[in-house]
Amino acid sequence: MLRRLLLLALLVSTSAYAADTYRFGTRLVEVGDSASKLAEIAGPPGYKEPIETAQGGHEGERWQYTDGPYTITFVIKQGRIAAIEQQHN
Protein backbone atom coordinates (compact mmCIF):
# COMPACT_ATOMS: atom_id res chain seq x y z
CA MET A 1 0.00 0.00 0.00
CA LEU A 2 2.78 2.43 0.90
CA ARG A 3 4.55 1.63 -2.37
CA ARG A 4 1.41 2.51 -4.37
CA LEU A 5 1.02 5.77 -2.49
CA LEU A 6 4.64 6.68 -3.14
CA LEU A 7 4.27 5.90 -6.84
CA LEU A 8 1.10 8.00 -7.05
CA ALA A 9 2.81 10.92 -5.31
CA LEU A 10 5.73 10.69 -7.72
CA LEU A 11 3.45 10.69 -10.76
CA VAL A 12 1.50 13.68 -9.52
CA SER A 13 4.61 15.70 -8.69
CA THR A 14 6.03 15.49 -12.21
CA SER A 15 2.80 15.89 -14.13
CA ALA A 16 1.89 18.79 -16.35
CA TYR A 17 -1.40 20.59 -16.45
CA ALA A 18 -3.09 23.13 -18.67
CA ALA A 19 -4.36 26.49 -17.50
CA ASP A 20 -6.17 29.46 -19.02
CA THR A 21 -4.07 32.07 -17.21
CA TYR A 22 -0.57 32.48 -15.79
CA ARG A 23 0.77 35.18 -13.49
CA PHE A 24 4.26 36.70 -13.83
CA GLY A 25 4.63 38.71 -10.62
CA THR A 26 1.66 41.07 -10.58
CA ARG A 27 0.93 40.81 -14.33
CA LEU A 28 -1.41 38.24 -15.84
CA VAL A 29 -1.47 36.65 -19.30
CA GLU A 30 -4.26 34.44 -20.55
CA VAL A 31 -5.32 32.35 -23.52
CA GLY A 32 -6.30 34.75 -26.29
CA ASP A 33 -3.73 37.44 -25.40
CA SER A 34 -1.27 38.47 -28.09
CA ALA A 35 2.25 37.06 -28.26
CA SER A 36 3.55 40.63 -28.02
CA LYS A 37 1.78 41.09 -24.66
CA LEU A 38 3.40 37.87 -23.42
CA ALA A 39 6.83 39.09 -24.56
CA GLU A 40 6.23 42.48 -22.91
CA ILE A 41 5.28 40.89 -19.57
CA ALA A 42 7.60 37.87 -19.46
CA GLY A 43 10.45 38.95 -21.72
CA PRO A 44 11.93 36.76 -24.43
CA PRO A 45 11.37 33.02 -23.97
CA GLY A 46 14.22 30.82 -22.82
CA TYR A 47 13.37 28.38 -25.60
CA LYS A 48 11.30 28.76 -28.75
CA GLU A 49 10.22 25.85 -30.99
CA PRO A 50 8.21 25.90 -34.22
CA ILE A 51 5.03 23.83 -34.54
CA GLU A 52 4.50 22.31 -37.97
CA THR A 53 1.43 20.83 -39.64
CA ALA A 54 1.48 17.22 -40.82
CA GLN A 55 2.41 18.55 -44.27
CA GLY A 56 5.35 20.55 -42.89
CA GLY A 57 3.77 23.99 -42.93
CA HIS A 58 4.11 26.51 -40.11
CA GLU A 59 1.27 26.19 -37.58
CA GLY A 60 2.66 28.16 -34.65
CA GLU A 61 5.34 28.14 -31.94
CA ARG A 62 5.95 26.90 -28.42
CA TRP A 63 7.54 29.44 -26.09
CA GLN A 64 9.05 28.09 -22.87
CA TYR A 65 9.82 30.01 -19.70
CA THR A 66 11.27 28.84 -16.39
CA ASP A 67 9.60 30.28 -13.32
CA GLY A 68 11.16 28.86 -10.15
CA PRO A 69 10.51 25.11 -10.10
CA TYR A 70 8.13 25.30 -13.08
CA THR A 71 8.47 25.17 -16.84
CA ILE A 72 5.68 27.12 -18.49
CA THR A 73 4.94 26.47 -22.17
CA PHE A 74 2.83 28.89 -24.18
CA VAL A 75 1.46 27.62 -27.49
CA ILE A 76 1.30 30.54 -29.93
CA LYS A 77 -0.94 30.29 -32.99
CA GLN A 78 -1.81 33.16 -35.33
CA GLY A 79 0.02 35.58 -33.04
CA ARG A 80 -2.06 34.72 -29.95
CA ILE A 81 -1.70 32.44 -26.92
CA ALA A 82 -3.66 29.28 -27.78
CA ALA A 83 -2.73 27.21 -24.71
CA ILE A 84 -0.74 27.44 -21.48
CA GLU A 85 0.88 24.33 -19.98
CA GLN A 86 2.69 24.22 -16.65
CA GLN A 87 5.04 21.45 -15.54
CA HIS A 88 6.75 21.07 -12.18
CA ASN A 89 10.45 20.25 -12.70
PDB file of N, CA and C in Angstrom:
ATOM      1  N   MET A   1       0.815  -1.189   0.000  1.00  0.00           N
ATOM      2  CA  MET A   1       0.000   0.000   0.000  1.00  0.00           C
ATOM      3  C   MET A   1       0.867   1.264   0.000  1.00  0.00           C
ATOM      4  N   LEU A   2       1.883   1.280   0.827  1.00  0.00           N
ATOM      5  CA  LEU A   2       2.781   2.431   0.898  1.00  0.00           C
ATOM      6  C   LEU A   2       3.499   2.635  -0.430  1.00  0.00           C
ATOM      7  N   ARG A   3       3.868   1.551  -1.075  1.00  0.00           N
ATOM      8  CA  ARG A   3       4.545   1.631  -2.373  1.00  0.00           C
ATOM      9  C   ARG A   3       3.646   2.278  -3.416  1.00  0.00           C
ATOM     10  N   ARG A   4       2.370   1.914  -3.423  1.00  0.00           N
ATOM     11  CA  ARG A   4       1.414   2.507  -4.371  1.00  0.00           C
ATOM     12  C   ARG A   4       1.236   4.004  -4.108  1.00  0.00           C
ATOM     13  N   LEU A   5       1.152   4.371  -2.843  1.00  0.00           N
ATOM     14  CA  LEU A   5       1.020   5.772  -2.486  1.00  0.00           C
ATOM     15  C   LEU A   5       2.235   6.572  -2.924  1.00  0.00           C
ATOM     16  N   LEU A   6       3.400   6.024  -2.724  1.00  0.00           N
ATOM     17  CA  LEU A   6       4.638   6.683  -3.135  1.00  0.00           C
ATOM     18  C   LEU A   6       4.681   6.853  -4.650  1.00  0.00           C
ATOM     19  N   LEU A   7       4.304   5.823  -5.383  1.00  0.00           N
ATOM     20  CA  LEU A   7       4.265   5.899  -6.844  1.00  0.00           C
ATOM     21  C   LEU A   7       3.267   6.957  -7.305  1.00  0.00           C
ATOM     22  N   LEU A   8       2.106   7.000  -6.691  1.00  0.00           N
ATOM     23  CA  LEU A   8       1.101   7.999  -7.047  1.00  0.00           C
ATOM     24  C   LEU A   8       1.610   9.409  -6.775  1.00  0.00           C
ATOM     25  N   ALA A   9       2.254   9.608  -5.639  1.00  0.00           N
ATOM     26  CA  ALA A   9       2.806  10.925  -5.310  1.00  0.00           C
ATOM     27  C   ALA A   9       3.872  11.332  -6.309  1.00  0.00           C
ATOM     28  N   LEU A  10       4.694  10.407  -6.733  1.00  0.00           N
ATOM     29  CA  LEU A  10       5.735  10.693  -7.717  1.00  0.00           C
ATOM     30  C   LEU A  10       5.127  11.081  -9.058  1.00  0.00           C
ATOM     31  N   LEU A  11       4.109  10.376  -9.493  1.00  0.00           N
ATOM     32  CA  LEU A  11       3.452  10.693 -10.763  1.00  0.00           C
ATOM     33  C   LEU A  11       2.799  12.064 -10.725  1.00  0.00           C
ATOM     34  N   VAL A  12       2.163  12.397  -9.636  1.00  0.00           N
ATOM     35  CA  VAL A  12       1.495  13.685  -9.520  1.00  0.00           C
ATOM     36  C   VAL A  12       2.516  14.820  -9.480  1.00  0.00           C
ATOM     37  N   SER A  13       3.636  14.620  -8.839  1.00  0.00           N
ATOM     38  CA  SER A  13       4.614  15.696  -8.689  1.00  0.00           C
ATOM     39  C   SER A  13       5.307  16.070  -9.990  1.00  0.00           C
ATOM     40  N   THR A  14       5.359  15.180 -10.958  1.00  0.00           N
ATOM     41  CA  THR A  14       6.029  15.485 -12.215  1.00  0.00           C
ATOM     42  C   THR A  14       5.053  15.699 -13.362  1.00  0.00           C
ATOM     43  N   SER A  15       3.780  15.760 -13.062  1.00  0.00           N
ATOM     44  CA  SER A  15       2.796  15.885 -14.128  1.00  0.00           C
ATOM     45  C   SER A  15       2.661  17.337 -14.589  1.00  0.00           C
ATOM     46  N   ALA A  16       2.142  17.472 -15.779  1.00  0.00           N
ATOM     47  CA  ALA A  16       1.887  18.793 -16.352  1.00  0.00           C
ATOM     48  C   ALA A  16       0.387  19.034 -16.354  1.00  0.00           C
ATOM     49  N   TYR A  17       0.009  20.293 -16.333  1.00  0.00           N
ATOM     50  CA  TYR A  17      -1.401  20.594 -16.451  1.00  0.00           C
ATOM     51  C   TYR A  17      -1.590  21.870 -17.255  1.00  0.00           C
ATOM     52  N   ALA A  18      -2.773  21.972 -17.840  1.00  0.00           N
ATOM     53  CA  ALA A  18      -3.089  23.131 -18.666  1.00  0.00           C
ATOM     54  C   ALA A  18      -3.847  24.159 -17.836  1.00  0.00           C
ATOM     55  N   ALA A  19      -3.673  25.399 -18.188  1.00  0.00           N
ATOM     56  CA  ALA A  19      -4.358  26.493 -17.497  1.00  0.00           C
ATOM     57  C   ALA A  19      -4.808  27.510 -18.535  1.00  0.00           C
ATOM     58  N   ASP A  20      -5.713  28.384 -18.134  1.00  0.00           N
ATOM     59  CA  ASP A  20      -6.172  29.460 -19.022  1.00  0.00           C
ATOM     60  C   ASP A  20      -5.447  30.762 -18.745  1.00  0.00           C
ATOM     61  N   THR A  21      -4.786  30.860 -17.582  1.00  0.00           N
ATOM     62  CA  THR A  21      -4.070  32.070 -17.208  1.00  0.00           C
ATOM     63  C   THR A  21      -2.751  31.703 -16.533  1.00  0.00           C
ATOM     64  N   TYR A  22      -1.819  32.643 -16.540  1.00  0.00           N
ATOM     65  CA  TYR A  22      -0.573  32.484 -15.790  1.00  0.00           C
ATOM     66  C   TYR A  22      -0.123  33.857 -15.317  1.00  0.00           C
ATOM     67  N   ARG A  23       0.365  33.920 -14.090  1.00  0.00           N
ATOM     68  CA  ARG A  23       0.773  35.181 -13.485  1.00  0.00           C
ATOM     69  C   ARG A  23       2.295  35.262 -13.415  1.00  0.00           C
ATOM     70  N   PHE A  24       2.843  36.349 -13.969  1.00  0.00           N
ATOM     71  CA  PHE A  24       4.256  36.703 -13.828  1.00  0.00           C
ATOM     72  C   PHE A  24       4.305  37.885 -12.867  1.00  0.00           C
ATOM     73  N   GLY A  25       4.647  37.643 -11.620  1.00  0.00           N
ATOM     74  CA  GLY A  25       4.633  38.713 -10.621  1.00  0.00           C
ATOM     75  C   GLY A  25       3.217  39.218 -10.429  1.00  0.00           C
ATOM     76  N   THR A  26       2.998  40.492 -10.726  1.00  0.00           N
ATOM     77  CA  THR A  26       1.656  41.065 -10.578  1.00  0.00           C
ATOM     78  C   THR A  26       0.914  41.155 -11.908  1.00  0.00           C
ATOM     79  N   ARG A  27       1.547  40.710 -12.994  1.00  0.00           N
ATOM     80  CA  ARG A  27       0.934  40.811 -14.330  1.00  0.00           C
ATOM     81  C   ARG A  27       0.402  39.456 -14.761  1.00  0.00           C
ATOM     82  N   LEU A  28      -0.717  39.453 -15.439  1.00  0.00           N
ATOM     83  CA  LEU A  28      -1.407  38.239 -15.836  1.00  0.00           C
ATOM     84  C   LEU A  28      -1.477  38.137 -17.352  1.00  0.00           C
ATOM     85  N   VAL A  29      -1.223  36.932 -17.875  1.00  0.00           N
ATOM     86  CA  VAL A  29      -1.470  36.648 -19.295  1.00  0.00           C
ATOM     87  C   VAL A  29      -2.474  35.505 -19.356  1.00  0.00           C
ATOM     88  N   GLU A  30      -3.245  35.483 -20.425  1.00  0.00           N
ATOM     89  CA  GLU A  30      -4.256  34.437 -20.552  1.00  0.00           C
ATOM     90  C   GLU A  30      -4.414  34.016 -21.999  1.00  0.00           C
ATOM     91  N   VAL A  31      -5.039  32.857 -22.174  1.00  0.00           N
ATOM     92  CA  VAL A  31      -5.324  32.354 -23.517  1.00  0.00           C
ATOM     93  C   VAL A  31      -6.098  33.434 -24.257  1.00  0.00           C
ATOM     94  N   GLY A  32      -5.670  33.723 -25.471  1.00  0.00           N
ATOM     95  CA  GLY A  32      -6.297  34.753 -26.294  1.00  0.00           C
ATOM     96  C   GLY A  32      -5.498  36.038 -26.344  1.00  0.00           C
ATOM     97  N   ASP A  33      -4.597  36.250 -25.361  1.00  0.00           N
ATOM     98  CA  ASP A  33      -3.735  37.436 -25.396  1.00  0.00           C
ATOM     99  C   ASP A  33      -2.736  37.327 -26.543  1.00  0.00           C
ATOM    100  N   SER A  34      -2.228  38.459 -26.987  1.00  0.00           N
ATOM    101  CA  SER A  34      -1.267  38.468 -28.089  1.00  0.00           C
ATOM    102  C   SER A  34       0.109  37.991 -27.612  1.00  0.00           C
ATOM    103  N   ALA A  35       0.879  37.484 -28.554  1.00  0.00           N
ATOM    104  CA  ALA A  35       2.250  37.061 -28.258  1.00  0.00           C
ATOM    105  C   ALA A  35       3.089  38.261 -27.851  1.00  0.00           C
ATOM    106  N   SER A  36       2.792  39.439 -28.396  1.00  0.00           N
ATOM    107  CA  SER A  36       3.548  40.631 -28.021  1.00  0.00           C
ATOM    108  C   SER A  36       3.281  41.029 -26.575  1.00  0.00           C
ATOM    109  N   LYS A  37       2.072  40.816 -26.075  1.00  0.00           N
ATOM    110  CA  LYS A  37       1.781  41.091 -24.663  1.00  0.00           C
ATOM    111  C   LYS A  37       2.567  40.130 -23.777  1.00  0.00           C
ATOM    112  N   LEU A  38       2.620  38.856 -24.168  1.00  0.00           N
ATOM    113  CA  LEU A  38       3.401  37.873 -23.418  1.00  0.00           C
ATOM    114  C   LEU A  38       4.866  38.281 -23.371  1.00  0.00           C
ATOM    115  N   ALA A  39       5.422  38.675 -24.501  1.00  0.00           N
ATOM    116  CA  ALA A  39       6.828  39.092 -24.556  1.00  0.00           C
ATOM    117  C   ALA A  39       7.063  40.343 -23.718  1.00  0.00           C
ATOM    118  N   GLU A  40       6.100  41.261 -23.706  1.00  0.00           N
ATOM    119  CA  GLU A  40       6.229  42.484 -22.906  1.00  0.00           C
ATOM    120  C   GLU A  40       6.242  42.156 -21.407  1.00  0.00           C
ATOM    121  N   ILE A  41       5.394  41.229 -20.989  1.00  0.00           N
ATOM    122  CA  ILE A  41       5.279  40.891 -19.569  1.00  0.00           C
ATOM    123  C   ILE A  41       6.388  39.956 -19.104  1.00  0.00           C
ATOM    124  N   ALA A  42       6.667  38.918 -19.894  1.00  0.00           N
ATOM    125  CA  ALA A  42       7.597  37.867 -19.455  1.00  0.00           C
ATOM    126  C   ALA A  42       8.992  38.000 -20.049  1.00  0.00           C
ATOM    127  N   GLY A  43       9.154  38.847 -21.048  1.00  0.00           N
ATOM    128  CA  GLY A  43      10.446  38.952 -21.724  1.00  0.00           C
ATOM    129  C   GLY A  43      10.570  37.876 -22.794  1.00  0.00           C
ATOM    130  N   PRO A  44      11.750  37.775 -23.390  1.00  0.00           N
ATOM    131  CA  PRO A  44      11.930  36.763 -24.427  1.00  0.00           C
ATOM    132  C   PRO A  44      11.935  35.367 -23.810  1.00  0.00           C
ATOM    133  N   PRO A  45      11.393  34.379 -24.529  1.00  0.00           N
ATOM    134  CA  PRO A  45      11.370  33.020 -23.974  1.00  0.00           C
ATOM    135  C   PRO A  45      12.773  32.427 -23.898  1.00  0.00           C
ATOM    136  N   GLY A  46      12.950  31.521 -22.943  1.00  0.00           N
ATOM    137  CA  GLY A  46      14.223  30.823 -22.821  1.00  0.00           C
ATOM    138  C   GLY A  46      14.423  29.826 -23.949  1.00  0.00           C
ATOM    139  N   TYR A  47      13.322  29.350 -24.509  1.00  0.00           N
ATOM    140  CA  TYR A  47      13.368  28.377 -25.604  1.00  0.00           C
ATOM    141  C   TYR A  47      12.156  28.617 -26.482  1.00  0.00           C
ATOM    142  N   LYS A  48      12.376  28.565 -27.784  1.00  0.00           N
ATOM    143  CA  LYS A  48      11.301  28.758 -28.754  1.00  0.00           C
ATOM    144  C   LYS A  48      11.389  27.639 -29.783  1.00  0.00           C
ATOM    145  N   GLU A  49      10.242  26.998 -30.072  1.00  0.00           N
ATOM    146  CA  GLU A  49      10.219  25.854 -30.988  1.00  0.00           C
ATOM    147  C   GLU A  49       9.059  26.009 -31.975  1.00  0.00           C
ATOM    148  N   PRO A  50       9.310  25.809 -33.259  1.00  0.00           N
ATOM    149  CA  PRO A  50       8.209  25.904 -34.223  1.00  0.00           C
ATOM    150  C   PRO A  50       7.279  24.690 -34.129  1.00  0.00           C
ATOM    151  N   ILE A  51       6.014  24.916 -34.440  1.00  0.00           N
ATOM    152  CA  ILE A  51       5.032  23.833 -34.543  1.00  0.00           C
ATOM    153  C   ILE A  51       4.678  23.725 -36.016  1.00  0.00           C
ATOM    154  N   GLU A  52       4.792  22.517 -36.562  1.00  0.00           N
ATOM    155  CA  GLU A  52       4.499  22.310 -37.974  1.00  0.00           C
ATOM    156  C   GLU A  52       3.241  21.467 -38.157  1.00  0.00           C
ATOM    157  N   THR A  53       2.562  21.679 -39.272  1.00  0.00           N
ATOM    158  CA  THR A  53       1.427  20.834 -39.639  1.00  0.00           C
ATOM    159  C   THR A  53       1.966  19.490 -40.108  1.00  0.00           C
ATOM    160  N   ALA A  54       1.071  18.542 -40.329  1.00  0.00           N
ATOM    161  CA  ALA A  54       1.478  17.219 -40.817  1.00  0.00           C
ATOM    162  C   ALA A  54       2.151  17.314 -42.185  1.00  0.00           C
ATOM    163  N   GLN A  55       1.828  18.357 -42.940  1.00  0.00           N
ATOM    164  CA  GLN A  55       2.415  18.547 -44.269  1.00  0.00           C
ATOM    165  C   GLN A  55       3.702  19.369 -44.215  1.00  0.00           C
ATOM    166  N   GLY A  56       4.098  19.817 -43.037  1.00  0.00           N
ATOM    167  CA  GLY A  56       5.350  20.549 -42.893  1.00  0.00           C
ATOM    168  C   GLY A  56       5.208  22.065 -42.909  1.00  0.00           C
ATOM    169  N   GLY A  57       3.984  22.549 -42.961  1.00  0.00           N
ATOM    170  CA  GLY A  57       3.770  23.994 -42.930  1.00  0.00           C
ATOM    171  C   GLY A  57       3.851  24.551 -41.512  1.00  0.00           C
ATOM    172  N   HIS A  58       4.006  25.855 -41.420  1.00  0.00           N
ATOM    173  CA  HIS A  58       4.106  26.514 -40.107  1.00  0.00           C
ATOM    174  C   HIS A  58       2.715  26.647 -39.485  1.00  0.00           C
ATOM    175  N   GLU A  59       2.552  26.103 -38.276  1.00  0.00           N
ATOM    176  CA  GLU A  59       1.269  26.192 -37.583  1.00  0.00           C
ATOM    177  C   GLU A  59       1.325  27.144 -36.391  1.00  0.00           C
ATOM    178  N   GLY A  60       2.507  27.296 -35.810  1.00  0.00           N
ATOM    179  CA  GLY A  60       2.656  28.161 -34.647  1.00  0.00           C
ATOM    180  C   GLY A  60       4.005  27.936 -33.992  1.00  0.00           C
ATOM    181  N   GLU A  61       4.090  28.292 -32.701  1.00  0.00           N
ATOM    182  CA  GLU A  61       5.335  28.142 -31.943  1.00  0.00           C
ATOM    183  C   GLU A  61       5.026  27.763 -30.509  1.00  0.00           C
ATOM    184  N   ARG A  62       5.985  27.145 -29.853  1.00  0.00           N
ATOM    185  CA  ARG A  62       5.946  26.901 -28.415  1.00  0.00           C
ATOM    186  C   ARG A  62       7.012  27.774 -27.783  1.00  0.00           C
ATOM    187  N   TRP A  63       6.604  28.592 -26.835  1.00  0.00           N
ATOM    188  CA  TRP A  63       7.541  29.440 -26.092  1.00  0.00           C
ATOM    189  C   TRP A  63       7.636  28.890 -24.682  1.00  0.00           C
ATOM    190  N   GLN A  64       8.861  28.622 -24.220  1.00  0.00           N
ATOM    191  CA  GLN A  64       9.047  28.087 -22.870  1.00  0.00           C
ATOM    192  C   GLN A  64       9.749  29.095 -21.969  1.00  0.00           C
ATOM    193  N   TYR A  65       9.251  29.167 -20.750  1.00  0.00           N
ATOM    194  CA  TYR A  65       9.824  30.006 -19.699  1.00  0.00           C
ATOM    195  C   TYR A  65      10.050  29.143 -18.467  1.00  0.00           C
ATOM    196  N   THR A  66      11.049  29.486 -17.681  1.00  0.00           N
ATOM    197  CA  THR A  66      11.268  28.842 -16.393  1.00  0.00           C
ATOM    198  C   THR A  66      10.899  29.852 -15.318  1.00  0.00           C
ATOM    199  N   ASP A  67      10.047  29.418 -14.410  1.00  0.00           N
ATOM    200  CA  ASP A  67       9.605  30.276 -13.316  1.00  0.00           C
ATOM    201  C   ASP A  67       9.744  29.473 -12.024  1.00  0.00           C
ATOM    202  N   GLY A  68      10.883  29.650 -11.350  1.00  0.00           N
ATOM    203  CA  GLY A  68      11.163  28.861 -10.149  1.00  0.00           C
ATOM    204  C   GLY A  68      11.237  27.391 -10.511  1.00  0.00           C
ATOM    205  N   PRO A  69      10.461  26.544  -9.820  1.00  0.00           N
ATOM    206  CA  PRO A  69      10.513  25.113 -10.097  1.00  0.00           C
ATOM    207  C   PRO A  69       9.612  24.677 -11.253  1.00  0.00           C
ATOM    208  N   TYR A  70       9.079  25.624 -12.020  1.00  0.00           N
ATOM    209  CA  TYR A  70       8.130  25.299 -13.076  1.00  0.00           C
ATOM    210  C   TYR A  70       8.665  25.649 -14.463  1.00  0.00           C
ATOM    211  N   THR A  71       8.273  24.849 -15.432  1.00  0.00           N
ATOM    212  CA  THR A  71       8.471  25.171 -16.843  1.00  0.00           C
ATOM    213  C   THR A  71       7.093  25.484 -17.394  1.00  0.00           C
ATOM    214  N   ILE A  72       6.945  26.679 -17.942  1.00  0.00           N
ATOM    215  CA  ILE A  72       5.676  27.121 -18.493  1.00  0.00           C
ATOM    216  C   ILE A  72       5.820  27.166 -20.008  1.00  0.00           C
ATOM    217  N   THR A  73       4.928  26.484 -20.708  1.00  0.00           N
ATOM    218  CA  THR A  73       4.944  26.465 -22.166  1.00  0.00           C
ATOM    219  C   THR A  73       3.698  27.170 -22.673  1.00  0.00           C
ATOM    220  N   PHE A  74       3.917  28.157 -23.536  1.00  0.00           N
ATOM    221  CA  PHE A  74       2.828  28.885 -24.179  1.00  0.00           C
ATOM    222  C   PHE A  74       2.792  28.456 -25.635  1.00  0.00           C
ATOM    223  N   VAL A  75       1.647  27.980 -26.087  1.00  0.00           N
ATOM    224  CA  VAL A  75       1.457  27.621 -27.487  1.00  0.00           C
ATOM    225  C   VAL A  75       0.923  28.861 -28.187  1.00  0.00           C
ATOM    226  N   ILE A  76       1.662  29.329 -29.193  1.00  0.00           N
ATOM    227  CA  ILE A  76       1.304  30.544 -29.928  1.00  0.00           C
ATOM    228  C   ILE A  76       0.823  30.141 -31.318  1.00  0.00           C
ATOM    229  N   LYS A  77      -0.396  30.529 -31.655  1.00  0.00           N
ATOM    230  CA  LYS A  77      -0.945  30.285 -32.992  1.00  0.00           C
ATOM    231  C   LYS A  77      -1.593  31.574 -33.481  1.00  0.00           C
ATOM    232  N   GLN A  78      -1.280  31.949 -34.699  1.00  0.00           N
ATOM    233  CA  GLN A  78      -1.808  33.162 -35.327  1.00  0.00           C
ATOM    234  C   GLN A  78      -1.562  34.394 -34.449  1.00  0.00           C
ATOM    235  N   GLY A  79      -0.383  34.417 -33.813  1.00  0.00           N
ATOM    236  CA  GLY A  79       0.019  35.579 -33.036  1.00  0.00           C
ATOM    237  C   GLY A  79      -0.625  35.706 -31.662  1.00  0.00           C
ATOM    238  N   ARG A  80      -1.361  34.681 -31.235  1.00  0.00           N
ATOM    239  CA  ARG A  80      -2.064  34.723 -29.951  1.00  0.00           C
ATOM    240  C   ARG A  80      -1.754  33.470 -29.127  1.00  0.00           C
ATOM    241  N   ILE A  81      -1.901  33.590 -27.810  1.00  0.00           N
ATOM    242  CA  ILE A  81      -1.704  32.440 -26.925  1.00  0.00           C
ATOM    243  C   ILE A  81      -2.894  31.504 -27.110  1.00  0.00           C
ATOM    244  N   ALA A  82      -2.613  30.272 -27.554  1.00  0.00           N
ATOM    245  CA  ALA A  82      -3.664  29.283 -27.779  1.00  0.00           C
ATOM    246  C   ALA A  82      -3.794  28.318 -26.601  1.00  0.00           C
ATOM    247  N   ALA A  83      -2.699  28.124 -25.854  1.00  0.00           N
ATOM    248  CA  ALA A  83      -2.726  27.209 -24.711  1.00  0.00           C
ATOM    249  C   ALA A  83      -1.574  27.556 -23.774  1.00  0.00           C
ATOM    250  N   ILE A  84      -1.771  27.248 -22.493  1.00  0.00           N
ATOM    251  CA  ILE A  84      -0.738  27.437 -21.477  1.00  0.00           C
ATOM    252  C   ILE A  84      -0.597  26.119 -20.725  1.00  0.00           C
ATOM    253  N   GLU A  85       0.627  25.593 -20.679  1.00  0.00           N
ATOM    254  CA  GLU A  85       0.882  24.329 -19.984  1.00  0.00           C
ATOM    255  C   GLU A  85       1.965  24.565 -18.935  1.00  0.00           C
ATOM    256  N   GLN A  86       1.734  24.060 -17.748  1.00  0.00           N
ATOM    257  CA  GLN A  86       2.689  24.223 -16.653  1.00  0.00           C
ATOM    258  C   GLN A  86       3.152  22.859 -16.186  1.00  0.00           C
ATOM    259  N   GLN A  87       4.473  22.721 -16.003  1.00  0.00           N
ATOM    260  CA  GLN A  87       5.039  21.452 -15.544  1.00  0.00           C
ATOM    261  C   GLN A  87       5.997  21.722 -14.402  1.00  0.00           C
ATOM    262  N   HIS A  88       5.833  20.968 -13.335  1.00  0.00           N
ATOM    263  CA  HIS A  88       6.749  21.068 -12.183  1.00  0.00           C
ATOM    264  C   HIS A  88       8.007  20.293 -12.525  1.00  0.00           C
ATOM    265  N   ASN A  89       9.171  20.921 -12.376  1.00  0.00           N
ATOM    266  CA  ASN A  89      10.451  20.255 -12.703  1.00  0.00           C
ATOM    267  C   ASN A  89      10.878  19.338 -11.597  1.00  0.00           C
TER     268      ASN A  89
END
